[in-house]
N, C-alpha and C. Protein backbone atom coordinates (compact mmCIF):
# COMPACT_ATOMS: atom_id res chain seq x y z
N UNK A 1 -21.17 10.33 22.75
CA UNK A 1 -20.71 9.38 21.75
C UNK A 1 -19.41 9.84 21.29
N UNK A 2 -18.35 8.87 21.17
CA UNK A 2 -17.30 9.39 20.68
C UNK A 2 -17.31 9.61 18.83
N UNK A 3 -16.33 10.56 18.83
CA UNK A 3 -16.16 11.01 17.47
C UNK A 3 -16.18 9.99 16.59
N UNK A 4 -16.53 10.12 15.39
CA UNK A 4 -16.27 9.08 14.27
C UNK A 4 -14.77 9.11 13.71
N UNK A 5 -14.13 8.19 13.85
CA UNK A 5 -12.88 8.36 13.15
C UNK A 5 -12.95 7.78 11.84
N UNK A 6 -12.08 8.75 10.91
CA UNK A 6 -12.19 8.76 9.62
C UNK A 6 -10.84 7.78 9.33
N UNK A 7 -11.00 6.41 8.79
CA UNK A 7 -9.87 5.83 8.69
C UNK A 7 -9.67 5.59 7.04
N UNK A 8 -8.93 6.81 6.49
CA UNK A 8 -8.64 6.90 5.24
C UNK A 8 -7.80 5.88 4.36
N UNK A 9 -7.06 5.10 5.01
CA UNK A 9 -6.05 4.21 4.60
C UNK A 9 -6.82 2.83 4.72
N UNK A 10 -8.09 2.54 5.36
CA UNK A 10 -8.59 1.29 5.70
C UNK A 10 -9.48 0.77 4.80
N UNK A 11 -9.81 -0.01 4.07
CA UNK A 11 -10.73 -0.46 3.33
C UNK A 11 -11.40 -1.54 4.04
N UNK A 12 -13.00 -1.73 3.90
CA UNK A 12 -13.95 -2.45 4.45
C UNK A 12 -14.52 -3.69 3.61
N UNK A 13 -14.37 -4.71 3.64
CA UNK A 13 -14.96 -5.68 2.66
C UNK A 13 -16.36 -6.07 3.30
N UNK A 14 -17.04 -6.13 2.34
CA UNK A 14 -18.54 -6.62 2.53
C UNK A 14 -18.89 -7.64 1.47
N UNK A 15 -19.66 -8.67 2.02
CA UNK A 15 -20.11 -9.72 1.31
C UNK A 15 -21.41 -10.32 2.00
N UNK A 16 -22.02 -11.12 1.13
CA UNK A 16 -23.12 -11.93 1.72
C UNK A 16 -23.54 -13.17 1.42
N UNK A 17 -24.22 -13.97 2.11
CA UNK A 17 -24.44 -15.31 2.16
C UNK A 17 -25.90 -15.87 2.03
N UNK A 18 -26.57 -16.58 1.34
CA UNK A 18 -27.61 -16.82 1.13
C UNK A 18 -28.78 -16.27 0.31
N UNK A 19 -27.97 -15.89 -0.69
CA UNK A 19 -29.14 -15.48 -1.99
C UNK A 19 -29.87 -16.54 -2.67
N UNK A 20 -29.20 -17.60 -2.96
CA UNK A 20 -29.73 -18.41 -3.48
C UNK A 20 -30.66 -19.65 -2.88
N UNK A 21 -31.01 -19.64 -1.74
CA UNK A 21 -31.54 -20.66 -0.87
C UNK A 21 -33.08 -20.43 -0.99
N UNK A 22 -34.00 -21.23 -0.88
CA UNK A 22 -35.25 -21.02 -0.82
C UNK A 22 -35.77 -20.67 0.52
N UNK A 23 -34.95 -20.84 1.61
CA UNK A 23 -35.42 -20.38 2.93
C UNK A 23 -34.29 -19.78 3.92
N UNK A 24 -34.86 -19.24 4.71
CA UNK A 24 -33.83 -18.55 5.88
C UNK A 24 -33.42 -17.12 5.34
N UNK A 25 -32.97 -16.32 6.34
CA UNK A 25 -32.76 -14.79 5.91
C UNK A 25 -31.30 -14.73 4.71
N UNK A 26 -30.88 -13.56 4.20
CA UNK A 26 -29.83 -13.30 3.65
C UNK A 26 -28.87 -12.68 4.57
N UNK A 27 -27.49 -13.11 4.89
CA UNK A 27 -26.70 -12.36 5.89
C UNK A 27 -25.35 -11.79 5.27
N UNK A 28 -25.21 -10.45 5.62
CA UNK A 28 -24.04 -9.62 5.42
C UNK A 28 -23.15 -9.63 6.47
N UNK A 29 -21.64 -9.57 5.95
CA UNK A 29 -20.75 -8.96 6.86
C UNK A 29 -19.93 -7.88 6.27
N UNK A 30 -19.12 -6.92 7.41
CA UNK A 30 -18.58 -5.92 7.06
C UNK A 30 -17.44 -6.27 7.49
N UNK A 31 -16.07 -6.06 6.85
CA UNK A 31 -14.77 -6.48 8.09
C UNK A 31 -13.77 -5.68 7.44
N UNK A 32 -13.05 -4.90 8.34
CA UNK A 32 -11.79 -3.95 8.36
C UNK A 32 -10.77 -4.86 8.77
N UNK A 33 -9.85 -5.21 8.12
CA UNK A 33 -8.84 -5.82 8.86
C UNK A 33 -7.49 -5.28 9.24
N UNK A 34 -6.81 -5.85 10.13
CA UNK A 34 -5.79 -5.08 10.85
C UNK A 34 -4.44 -5.45 9.93
N UNK A 35 -3.73 -4.26 9.30
CA UNK A 35 -2.47 -4.52 8.41
C UNK A 35 -1.52 -5.29 9.19
N UNK A 36 -1.42 -4.93 10.52
CA UNK A 36 -0.73 -5.44 11.32
C UNK A 36 -0.65 -7.02 11.80
N UNK A 37 -1.93 -7.38 11.43
CA UNK A 37 -2.23 -9.01 11.74
C UNK A 37 -2.91 -9.44 10.63
N UNK A 38 -1.98 -9.95 9.86
CA UNK A 38 -2.68 -10.45 8.56
C UNK A 38 -3.23 -12.09 8.68
N UNK A 39 -3.97 -12.41 8.30
CA UNK A 39 -4.65 -13.65 8.46
C UNK A 39 -4.32 -14.51 7.08
N UNK A 40 -3.71 -15.79 7.78
CA UNK A 40 -3.39 -16.53 6.60
C UNK A 40 -4.52 -17.37 5.85
N UNK A 41 -4.35 -17.55 4.88
CA UNK A 41 -5.67 -18.56 4.18
C UNK A 41 -7.05 -18.03 3.89
N UNK A 42 -7.08 -16.78 4.08
CA UNK A 42 -8.34 -16.51 3.46
C UNK A 42 -8.95 -16.22 1.96
N UNK A 43 -10.00 -17.01 1.87
CA UNK A 43 -10.54 -17.22 0.64
C UNK A 43 -11.73 -17.02 0.36
N UNK A 44 -12.54 -16.95 -0.65
CA UNK A 44 -13.98 -16.96 -1.06
C UNK A 44 -14.63 -18.42 0.13
N UNK A 45 -15.42 -18.18 0.86
CA UNK A 45 -15.85 -19.11 1.80
C UNK A 45 -16.47 -20.39 0.98
N UNK A 46 -16.92 -20.21 -0.29
CA UNK A 46 -17.24 -21.66 -0.75
C UNK A 46 -16.33 -22.55 -1.33
N UNK A 47 -15.16 -21.90 -1.40
CA UNK A 47 -13.94 -22.97 -1.60
C UNK A 47 -13.31 -23.45 -0.23
N UNK A 48 -13.93 -23.22 0.75
CA UNK A 48 -13.39 -23.89 2.17
C UNK A 48 -14.15 -24.90 2.68
N UNK A 49 -13.54 -25.62 3.41
CA UNK A 49 -14.24 -26.59 4.17
C UNK A 49 -15.03 -26.13 5.40
N UNK A 50 -16.32 -26.61 5.68
CA UNK A 50 -16.78 -26.07 6.85
C UNK A 50 -16.07 -25.79 7.96
N UNK A 51 -14.79 -26.56 8.28
CA UNK A 51 -14.11 -26.85 9.38
C UNK A 51 -12.98 -25.54 9.46
N UNK A 52 -12.58 -25.25 8.07
CA UNK A 52 -11.65 -24.29 7.92
C UNK A 52 -12.32 -22.99 8.18
N UNK A 53 -13.70 -22.84 7.43
CA UNK A 53 -14.26 -21.34 7.50
C UNK A 53 -14.48 -21.19 8.80
N UNK A 54 -14.88 -22.12 9.87
CA UNK A 54 -15.33 -21.77 11.22
C UNK A 54 -13.73 -21.36 11.95
N UNK A 55 -12.62 -22.02 11.58
CA UNK A 55 -11.23 -21.55 12.08
C UNK A 55 -10.96 -20.15 11.66
N UNK A 56 -11.27 -19.98 10.55
CA UNK A 56 -10.84 -18.42 10.05
C UNK A 56 -11.96 -17.46 10.53
N UNK A 57 -13.21 -17.84 10.75
CA UNK A 57 -13.91 -17.04 11.34
C UNK A 57 -13.78 -16.61 12.51
N UNK A 58 -13.14 -17.44 13.43
CA UNK A 58 -12.44 -17.28 15.04
C UNK A 58 -11.50 -16.19 14.81
N UNK A 59 -10.64 -16.31 14.00
CA UNK A 59 -9.41 -15.47 13.82
C UNK A 59 -9.92 -13.96 13.43
N UNK A 60 -10.42 -14.19 12.30
CA UNK A 60 -11.30 -12.86 11.96
C UNK A 60 -11.95 -11.94 13.12
N UNK A 61 -12.58 -12.54 14.00
CA UNK A 61 -12.98 -11.94 15.16
C UNK A 61 -12.09 -11.55 16.26
N UNK A 62 -11.27 -12.43 16.09
CA UNK A 62 -10.01 -12.02 17.34
C UNK A 62 -9.33 -10.90 16.66
N UNK A 63 -8.84 -11.01 15.32
CA UNK A 63 -7.77 -9.95 14.80
C UNK A 63 -8.26 -8.87 13.83
N UNK A 64 -9.53 -8.94 13.44
CA UNK A 64 -10.00 -7.89 12.66
C UNK A 64 -10.13 -6.50 13.38
N UNK A 65 -9.69 -5.56 12.75
CA UNK A 65 -9.84 -3.65 13.49
C UNK A 65 -11.46 -3.84 13.75
N UNK A 66 -12.48 -4.15 12.78
CA UNK A 66 -13.85 -3.97 13.07
C UNK A 66 -14.50 -5.08 12.31
N UNK A 67 -15.56 -5.79 13.07
CA UNK A 67 -16.47 -6.51 12.07
C UNK A 67 -17.84 -6.58 12.40
N UNK A 68 -18.67 -6.73 11.66
CA UNK A 68 -20.20 -6.66 11.91
C UNK A 68 -20.87 -7.67 11.26
N UNK A 69 -22.15 -8.22 11.45
CA UNK A 69 -22.83 -9.10 10.33
C UNK A 69 -24.44 -8.47 10.83
N UNK A 70 -25.12 -8.54 9.87
CA UNK A 70 -26.40 -8.15 9.73
C UNK A 70 -27.29 -9.15 8.74
N UNK A 71 -28.60 -8.94 8.89
CA UNK A 71 -29.46 -9.77 7.73
C UNK A 71 -30.72 -9.17 7.58
N UNK A 72 -31.21 -9.41 6.08
CA UNK A 72 -32.17 -9.09 6.04
C UNK A 72 -33.41 -10.15 6.15
N UNK A 73 -34.67 -10.32 6.66
CA UNK A 73 -35.53 -11.40 6.85
C UNK A 73 -36.12 -11.91 5.37
N UNK A 74 -36.74 -13.08 5.71
CA UNK A 74 -37.40 -13.91 4.60
C UNK A 74 -38.69 -12.51 4.38
N UNK A 75 -39.26 -12.11 5.06
CA UNK A 75 -40.38 -11.09 4.57
C UNK A 75 -39.83 -10.03 3.75
N UNK A 76 -38.79 -9.41 4.13
CA UNK A 76 -37.77 -8.35 3.75
C UNK A 76 -37.70 -8.93 2.30
N UNK A 77 -37.05 -10.06 1.92
CA UNK A 77 -36.65 -10.72 0.70
C UNK A 77 -37.75 -10.90 -0.24
N UNK A 78 -38.98 -11.35 0.48
CA UNK A 78 -40.34 -11.49 -0.41
C UNK A 78 -40.97 -10.25 -0.66
N UNK A 79 -40.54 -9.15 -0.08
CA UNK A 79 -41.38 -8.12 -0.22
C UNK A 79 -40.51 -7.01 -1.09
N UNK A 80 -38.86 -7.19 -0.98
CA UNK A 80 -38.15 -6.09 -1.81
C UNK A 80 -37.38 -6.86 -2.92
N UNK A 81 -37.53 -7.89 -3.14
CA UNK A 81 -36.65 -8.93 -3.84
C UNK A 81 -35.49 -9.47 -3.24
N UNK A 82 -34.48 -10.38 -3.76
CA UNK A 82 -33.56 -10.89 -3.17
C UNK A 82 -32.21 -10.08 -3.61
N UNK A 83 -32.02 -9.37 -4.35
CA UNK A 83 -31.02 -8.31 -4.72
C UNK A 83 -31.29 -7.25 -3.79
N UNK A 84 -32.30 -6.71 -3.52
CA UNK A 84 -32.43 -5.22 -2.64
C UNK A 84 -32.35 -5.70 -1.19
N UNK A 85 -32.90 -7.00 -0.88
CA UNK A 85 -32.72 -7.42 0.50
C UNK A 85 -31.03 -7.73 0.64
N UNK A 86 -30.60 -8.24 -0.34
CA UNK A 86 -29.08 -8.46 -0.12
C UNK A 86 -28.29 -7.10 0.49
N UNK A 87 -28.73 -6.20 -0.72
CA UNK A 87 -28.20 -4.65 -0.47
C UNK A 87 -28.48 -4.03 0.81
N UNK A 88 -29.70 -4.34 1.40
CA UNK A 88 -30.15 -3.62 2.59
C UNK A 88 -29.43 -4.54 3.72
N UNK A 89 -29.05 -5.95 3.77
CA UNK A 89 -28.31 -6.45 4.72
C UNK A 89 -26.70 -5.96 4.66
N UNK A 90 -26.22 -5.50 3.39
CA UNK A 90 -25.01 -5.15 3.71
C UNK A 90 -24.90 -3.45 4.24
N UNK A 91 -25.98 -2.82 3.82
CA UNK A 91 -25.84 -1.61 4.45
C UNK A 91 -25.98 -1.78 5.85
N UNK A 92 -26.94 -2.51 6.42
CA UNK A 92 -27.15 -2.81 8.06
C UNK A 92 -25.75 -3.34 8.56
N UNK A 93 -24.82 -4.04 7.60
CA UNK A 93 -23.38 -4.85 8.43
C UNK A 93 -22.83 -3.45 8.60
N UNK A 94 -22.55 -2.58 7.39
CA UNK A 94 -21.34 -1.52 7.53
C UNK A 94 -21.95 -0.44 8.72
N UNK A 95 -23.47 -0.27 8.76
CA UNK A 95 -24.14 0.83 9.85
C UNK A 95 -23.49 0.41 11.10
N UNK A 96 -23.70 -1.26 11.32
CA UNK A 96 -23.29 -1.95 12.62
C UNK A 96 -21.84 -1.56 13.01
N UNK A 97 -20.93 -1.93 12.02
CA UNK A 97 -19.53 -1.54 11.93
C UNK A 97 -19.28 -0.31 12.64
N UNK A 98 -19.69 0.78 11.77
CA UNK A 98 -19.65 1.79 12.12
C UNK A 98 -20.18 2.33 13.45
N UNK A 99 -21.36 2.23 13.79
CA UNK A 99 -21.87 2.49 15.07
C UNK A 99 -21.06 1.75 16.39
N UNK A 100 -20.56 0.43 16.08
CA UNK A 100 -19.94 -0.21 17.10
C UNK A 100 -18.68 0.28 17.31
N UNK A 101 -17.74 0.51 16.14
CA UNK A 101 -16.45 0.73 16.72
C UNK A 101 -16.10 2.39 16.28
N UNK A 102 -17.07 3.00 16.09
CA UNK A 102 -17.05 4.38 15.55
C UNK A 102 -15.78 4.67 14.79
N UNK A 103 -15.99 3.97 13.47
CA UNK A 103 -14.91 3.74 12.68
C UNK A 103 -15.48 3.90 11.17
N UNK A 104 -15.31 5.01 10.25
CA UNK A 104 -15.65 4.88 9.00
C UNK A 104 -14.98 4.70 7.90
N UNK A 105 -14.67 3.57 7.52
CA UNK A 105 -13.86 3.40 6.21
C UNK A 105 -13.44 4.19 5.27
N UNK A 106 -12.38 4.20 4.98
CA UNK A 106 -11.89 4.94 3.67
C UNK A 106 -12.43 4.27 2.62
N UNK A 107 -12.53 3.31 2.29
CA UNK A 107 -13.42 2.70 0.89
C UNK A 107 -14.09 1.50 1.64
N UNK A 108 -14.95 1.26 0.76
CA UNK A 108 -15.81 -0.11 1.06
C UNK A 108 -15.68 -0.66 -0.48
N UNK A 109 -15.34 -2.01 -0.11
CA UNK A 109 -15.25 -2.82 -1.23
C UNK A 109 -16.30 -4.02 -1.41
N UNK A 110 -17.27 -4.13 -2.04
CA UNK A 110 -18.43 -4.95 -1.89
C UNK A 110 -18.19 -6.07 -3.09
N UNK A 111 -18.36 -7.59 -2.83
CA UNK A 111 -18.16 -8.34 -3.80
C UNK A 111 -19.41 -8.39 -4.66
N UNK A 112 -19.16 -8.62 -5.95
CA UNK A 112 -20.15 -8.55 -6.94
C UNK A 112 -20.49 -7.44 -7.78
N UNK A 113 -21.62 -7.36 -8.15
CA UNK A 113 -21.67 -6.36 -9.56
C UNK A 113 -22.75 -5.08 -8.82
N UNK A 114 -23.07 -5.17 -7.83
CA UNK A 114 -24.09 -4.08 -7.30
C UNK A 114 -23.56 -3.60 -6.05
N UNK A 115 -23.67 -2.33 -5.63
CA UNK A 115 -22.83 -1.57 -4.66
C UNK A 115 -24.36 -0.89 -3.76
N UNK A 116 -24.34 -1.33 -2.48
CA UNK A 116 -25.56 -0.40 -2.00
C UNK A 116 -24.92 1.12 -1.89
N UNK A 117 -25.50 1.99 -1.18
CA UNK A 117 -25.14 3.54 -1.10
C UNK A 117 -24.81 3.33 0.58
N UNK A 118 -23.38 3.60 0.61
CA UNK A 118 -22.97 4.03 2.00
C UNK A 118 -22.30 5.04 2.57
N UNK A 119 -22.32 5.65 3.28
CA UNK A 119 -21.68 6.82 3.83
C UNK A 119 -19.97 7.14 3.54
N UNK A 120 -19.36 6.08 3.05
CA UNK A 120 -17.92 6.10 2.36
C UNK A 120 -18.07 5.84 0.99
N UNK A 121 -16.90 6.12 0.19
CA UNK A 121 -16.80 5.46 -1.39
C UNK A 121 -16.81 3.90 -1.31
N UNK A 122 -17.45 3.62 -2.22
CA UNK A 122 -17.72 2.15 -2.42
C UNK A 122 -17.43 1.62 -3.86
N UNK A 123 -16.88 0.35 -3.93
CA UNK A 123 -16.89 -0.10 -5.26
C UNK A 123 -17.16 -1.50 -5.27
N UNK A 124 -17.99 -2.14 -6.43
CA UNK A 124 -18.26 -3.30 -6.38
C UNK A 124 -17.21 -3.98 -7.17
N UNK A 125 -16.88 -5.19 -6.72
CA UNK A 125 -15.64 -5.97 -7.46
C UNK A 125 -16.25 -7.47 -7.74
N UNK A 126 -16.20 -7.73 -8.81
CA UNK A 126 -16.58 -9.18 -9.27
C UNK A 126 -15.36 -10.06 -9.03
N UNK A 127 -16.28 -11.00 -8.29
CA UNK A 127 -14.98 -12.14 -7.82
C UNK A 127 -14.01 -11.81 -6.90
N UNK A 128 -14.54 -10.58 -5.90
CA UNK A 128 -13.54 -10.00 -5.00
C UNK A 128 -13.56 -11.00 -3.63
N UNK A 129 -14.44 -11.75 -3.68
CA UNK A 129 -14.29 -12.96 -2.23
C UNK A 129 -13.38 -13.79 -2.51
N UNK A 130 -12.68 -13.94 -3.58
CA UNK A 130 -11.55 -14.55 -4.41
C UNK A 130 -10.41 -13.93 -4.46
N UNK A 131 -10.32 -12.42 -4.30
CA UNK A 131 -9.26 -11.78 -4.76
C UNK A 131 -8.75 -10.84 -3.76
N UNK A 132 -9.75 -10.25 -2.88
CA UNK A 132 -9.39 -9.37 -1.94
C UNK A 132 -9.70 -9.84 -0.50
N UNK A 133 -8.56 -9.72 0.36
CA UNK A 133 -8.65 -10.50 1.65
C UNK A 133 -9.88 -9.85 2.55
N UNK A 134 -10.05 -8.67 2.39
CA UNK A 134 -11.08 -7.91 3.12
C UNK A 134 -12.62 -8.65 2.87
N UNK A 135 -12.70 -8.95 1.63
CA UNK A 135 -14.07 -9.39 0.87
C UNK A 135 -14.12 -10.92 1.66
N UNK A 136 -12.97 -11.45 1.42
CA UNK A 136 -12.90 -12.87 1.42
C UNK A 136 -13.21 -12.94 3.25
N UNK A 137 -12.67 -12.34 3.94
CA UNK A 137 -13.14 -12.55 5.56
C UNK A 137 -14.80 -12.00 5.80
N UNK A 138 -15.29 -11.14 5.02
CA UNK A 138 -16.62 -10.83 5.20
C UNK A 138 -17.51 -12.01 4.51
N UNK A 139 -16.94 -12.80 3.34
CA UNK A 139 -17.64 -13.93 2.84
C UNK A 139 -17.59 -15.11 3.87
N UNK A 140 -16.31 -15.19 4.50
CA UNK A 140 -16.51 -16.33 5.71
C UNK A 140 -17.54 -16.03 6.96
N UNK A 141 -17.22 -14.83 7.26
CA UNK A 141 -18.26 -14.60 8.63
C UNK A 141 -19.73 -14.53 8.11
N UNK A 142 -20.16 -14.09 7.06
CA UNK A 142 -21.36 -14.40 6.49
C UNK A 142 -21.99 -15.60 6.22
N UNK A 143 -21.40 -16.57 5.88
CA UNK A 143 -21.40 -18.02 5.46
C UNK A 143 -21.58 -18.46 6.79
N UNK A 144 -20.57 -18.45 7.76
CA UNK A 144 -20.74 -19.09 8.93
C UNK A 144 -21.85 -19.06 9.94
N UNK A 145 -22.07 -17.44 9.91
CA UNK A 145 -23.05 -17.00 10.71
C UNK A 145 -24.47 -17.50 10.08
N UNK A 146 -24.64 -17.42 8.90
CA UNK A 146 -26.11 -17.99 8.09
C UNK A 146 -26.00 -19.10 8.27
N UNK A 147 -24.92 -20.19 8.01
CA UNK A 147 -25.14 -21.56 8.20
C UNK A 147 -25.36 -21.88 9.85
N UNK A 148 -24.97 -21.25 10.66
CA UNK A 148 -25.36 -21.31 12.26
C UNK A 148 -26.76 -21.52 12.53
N UNK A 149 -27.37 -20.28 11.67
CA UNK A 149 -28.70 -19.86 11.82
C UNK A 149 -29.67 -20.90 11.31
N UNK A 150 -28.89 -21.56 9.97
CA UNK A 150 -29.85 -22.64 9.40
C UNK A 150 -29.91 -23.82 10.31
N UNK A 151 -28.65 -24.29 11.26
CA UNK A 151 -28.74 -25.01 11.97
C UNK A 151 -29.62 -24.93 13.20
N UNK A 152 -29.89 -23.69 13.78
CA UNK A 152 -30.82 -23.50 14.59
C UNK A 152 -32.53 -23.66 13.95
N UNK A 153 -32.40 -23.21 12.47
CA UNK A 153 -33.74 -23.49 12.29
C UNK A 153 -34.29 -24.95 12.02
N UNK A 154 -33.19 -25.60 11.79
CA UNK A 154 -33.39 -27.02 11.62
C UNK A 154 -33.93 -27.80 12.98
N UNK A 155 -33.53 -27.37 14.23
CA UNK A 155 -34.09 -27.62 15.24
C UNK A 155 -35.62 -27.60 15.46
N UNK A 156 -35.99 -26.37 14.95
CA UNK A 156 -37.36 -26.09 14.80
C UNK A 156 -38.21 -26.90 13.62
N UNK A 157 -37.65 -27.12 12.62
CA UNK A 157 -38.42 -27.67 11.30
C UNK A 157 -37.42 -28.71 10.82
N UNK A 158 -37.56 -29.97 11.66
CA UNK A 158 -36.32 -30.79 11.25
C UNK A 158 -36.57 -31.78 9.97
N UNK A 159 -38.09 -31.58 9.88
CA UNK A 159 -38.49 -32.27 8.67
C UNK A 159 -37.86 -31.96 7.22
N UNK A 160 -37.07 -30.48 7.04
CA UNK A 160 -36.60 -30.00 6.01
C UNK A 160 -35.06 -30.38 5.62
N UNK A 161 -34.63 -30.84 6.68
CA UNK A 161 -33.11 -30.93 6.17
C UNK A 161 -32.53 -29.75 6.40
N UNK A 162 -32.76 -28.73 7.02
CA UNK A 162 -31.57 -27.40 6.77
C UNK A 162 -30.57 -27.85 7.17
N UNK A 163 -29.98 -28.63 8.24
CA UNK A 163 -28.81 -28.92 8.64
C UNK A 163 -28.02 -29.45 7.50
N UNK A 164 -28.48 -29.97 6.86
CA UNK A 164 -27.66 -30.54 5.70
C UNK A 164 -27.41 -29.36 4.48
N UNK A 165 -28.54 -28.95 3.82
CA UNK A 165 -28.50 -28.14 2.64
C UNK A 165 -28.88 -26.44 2.70
N UNK A 166 -28.78 -26.31 4.17
CA UNK A 166 -29.01 -24.65 4.47
C UNK A 166 -29.89 -23.99 3.62
N UNK A 167 -30.88 -24.72 3.10
CA UNK A 167 -32.02 -24.15 2.71
C UNK A 167 -31.68 -24.14 1.04
N UNK A 168 -30.61 -24.43 0.40
CA UNK A 168 -30.57 -24.55 -0.85
C UNK A 168 -31.53 -25.23 -1.61
N UNK A 169 -31.66 -25.22 -3.12
CA UNK A 169 -32.83 -26.05 -3.49
C UNK A 169 -32.53 -27.64 -4.21
N UNK A 170 -31.72 -28.45 -3.09
CA UNK A 170 -31.51 -29.78 -3.59
C UNK A 170 -32.69 -30.66 -3.89
N UNK A 171 -32.26 -31.73 -4.39
CA UNK A 171 -33.46 -32.67 -4.39
C UNK A 171 -34.07 -33.04 -3.25
N UNK A 172 -33.18 -33.34 -2.28
CA UNK A 172 -33.87 -33.52 -0.73
C UNK A 172 -34.67 -32.47 -0.40
N UNK A 173 -34.36 -31.34 -0.52
CA UNK A 173 -35.08 -29.98 -0.03
C UNK A 173 -36.36 -30.19 -0.72
N UNK A 174 -36.28 -30.14 -2.01
CA UNK A 174 -37.36 -30.09 -2.70
C UNK A 174 -38.51 -31.15 -2.63
N UNK A 175 -38.01 -32.59 -2.37
CA UNK A 175 -38.60 -33.24 -1.72
C UNK A 175 -39.54 -33.05 -0.73
N UNK A 176 -38.76 -32.61 0.33
CA UNK A 176 -39.37 -32.25 1.72
C UNK A 176 -40.42 -31.04 1.47
N UNK A 177 -40.12 -30.43 0.52
CA UNK A 177 -41.12 -29.11 0.33
C UNK A 177 -42.33 -29.79 0.04
N UNK A 178 -42.30 -30.58 -1.26
CA UNK A 178 -43.54 -31.37 -1.57
C UNK A 178 -44.37 -32.30 -0.54
N UNK A 179 -43.62 -32.69 0.29
CA UNK A 179 -44.16 -33.67 1.17
C UNK A 179 -44.77 -32.79 2.32
N UNK A 180 -44.03 -31.82 2.84
CA UNK A 180 -44.42 -31.12 4.07
C UNK A 180 -45.11 -29.60 3.60
N UNK A 181 -45.10 -29.37 2.34
CA UNK A 181 -45.40 -27.62 2.08
C UNK A 181 -44.27 -26.91 3.00
N UNK A 182 -44.50 -25.56 2.75
CA UNK A 182 -43.69 -24.59 3.13
C UNK A 182 -43.87 -24.28 4.55
N UNK A 183 -42.72 -23.93 5.38
CA UNK A 183 -42.69 -23.27 6.69
C UNK A 183 -42.65 -21.99 6.58
N UNK A 184 -42.84 -21.22 7.65
CA UNK A 184 -42.78 -19.80 7.58
C UNK A 184 -41.38 -19.11 7.17
N UNK A 185 -40.26 -19.80 7.34
CA UNK A 185 -38.97 -19.36 6.78
C UNK A 185 -39.01 -19.75 5.39
N UNK A 186 -39.71 -20.09 4.87
CA UNK A 186 -39.56 -20.06 3.38
C UNK A 186 -39.95 -18.89 2.64
N UNK A 187 -39.06 -18.86 1.47
CA UNK A 187 -39.25 -17.57 0.83
C UNK A 187 -40.58 -17.68 -0.36
N UNK A 188 -41.64 -17.16 -0.10
CA UNK A 188 -42.85 -17.41 -0.82
C UNK A 188 -42.64 -16.63 -2.17
N UNK A 189 -41.25 -15.90 -2.42
CA UNK A 189 -41.55 -15.17 -3.83
C UNK A 189 -40.48 -16.01 -4.77
N UNK A 190 -39.90 -17.17 -4.57
CA UNK A 190 -38.95 -17.86 -4.95
C UNK A 190 -39.80 -19.17 -5.46
N UNK A 191 -39.42 -18.98 -7.09
CA UNK A 191 -40.41 -20.09 -7.64
C UNK A 191 -41.03 -21.58 -7.30
N UNK A 192 -39.94 -22.34 -6.75
CA UNK A 192 -40.37 -23.58 -6.05
C UNK A 192 -41.62 -23.54 -4.88
N UNK A 193 -41.41 -22.45 -4.21
CA UNK A 193 -42.33 -22.26 -3.17
C UNK A 193 -43.38 -21.59 -3.58
N UNK A 194 -43.44 -20.91 -4.37
CA UNK A 194 -44.64 -19.97 -5.00
C UNK A 194 -45.27 -21.15 -5.73
N UNK A 195 -44.94 -22.11 -6.62
CA UNK A 195 -45.69 -22.78 -7.39
C UNK A 195 -46.38 -23.88 -6.42
N UNK A 196 -45.91 -24.29 -5.25
CA UNK A 196 -46.66 -25.22 -4.40
C UNK A 196 -47.72 -24.24 -3.56
N UNK A 197 -47.51 -23.09 -3.31
CA UNK A 197 -48.31 -22.58 -2.92
C UNK A 197 -49.68 -22.11 -3.77
N UNK A 198 -49.35 -21.85 -4.90
CA UNK A 198 -50.67 -21.90 -5.85
C UNK A 198 -51.28 -23.28 -6.24
N UNK A 199 -50.72 -24.46 -6.04
CA UNK A 199 -51.15 -25.77 -6.17
C UNK A 199 -52.41 -25.96 -5.44
């Protein structure tokens, strides 16, 4: 295995998508951008249209020095709680980036208020996905990968409308849950699903 390159001057942005939904995994991404190839238009993925997110995700994959995506499953979310599962997905994303590129970033910047334990110094940044380009890039990759996964889930469970709401607790999703009961990809520990299971 090649020696690990200590990239002192390079920051890795980390963010997740899917903490709020009632179904599907939580997905995290880790991104090290290339200072020689800045990407215009990076922002918090929630502020971008689906089309713009997809276009930027393609640019990030082509132009970033390193990137990786990982997830924590519905079972892990129910067993650990959503915060711990999100932190686990982030750790997996960074570990995947290090393993694939043999690159240890000098600093890891994580969106939010909580920081997992990494092999490099890390800092939590509130609102980082709208302020720091590396975190914005991670937020875009995490969101587009999770949305694609929920599109796939829709093919298996079309009765829930995952292609439209991506598992979030919209009125239509809650109605579909009431009518059909939960599927194996619903988070049993989340209150609306737990209530149905107790009924």
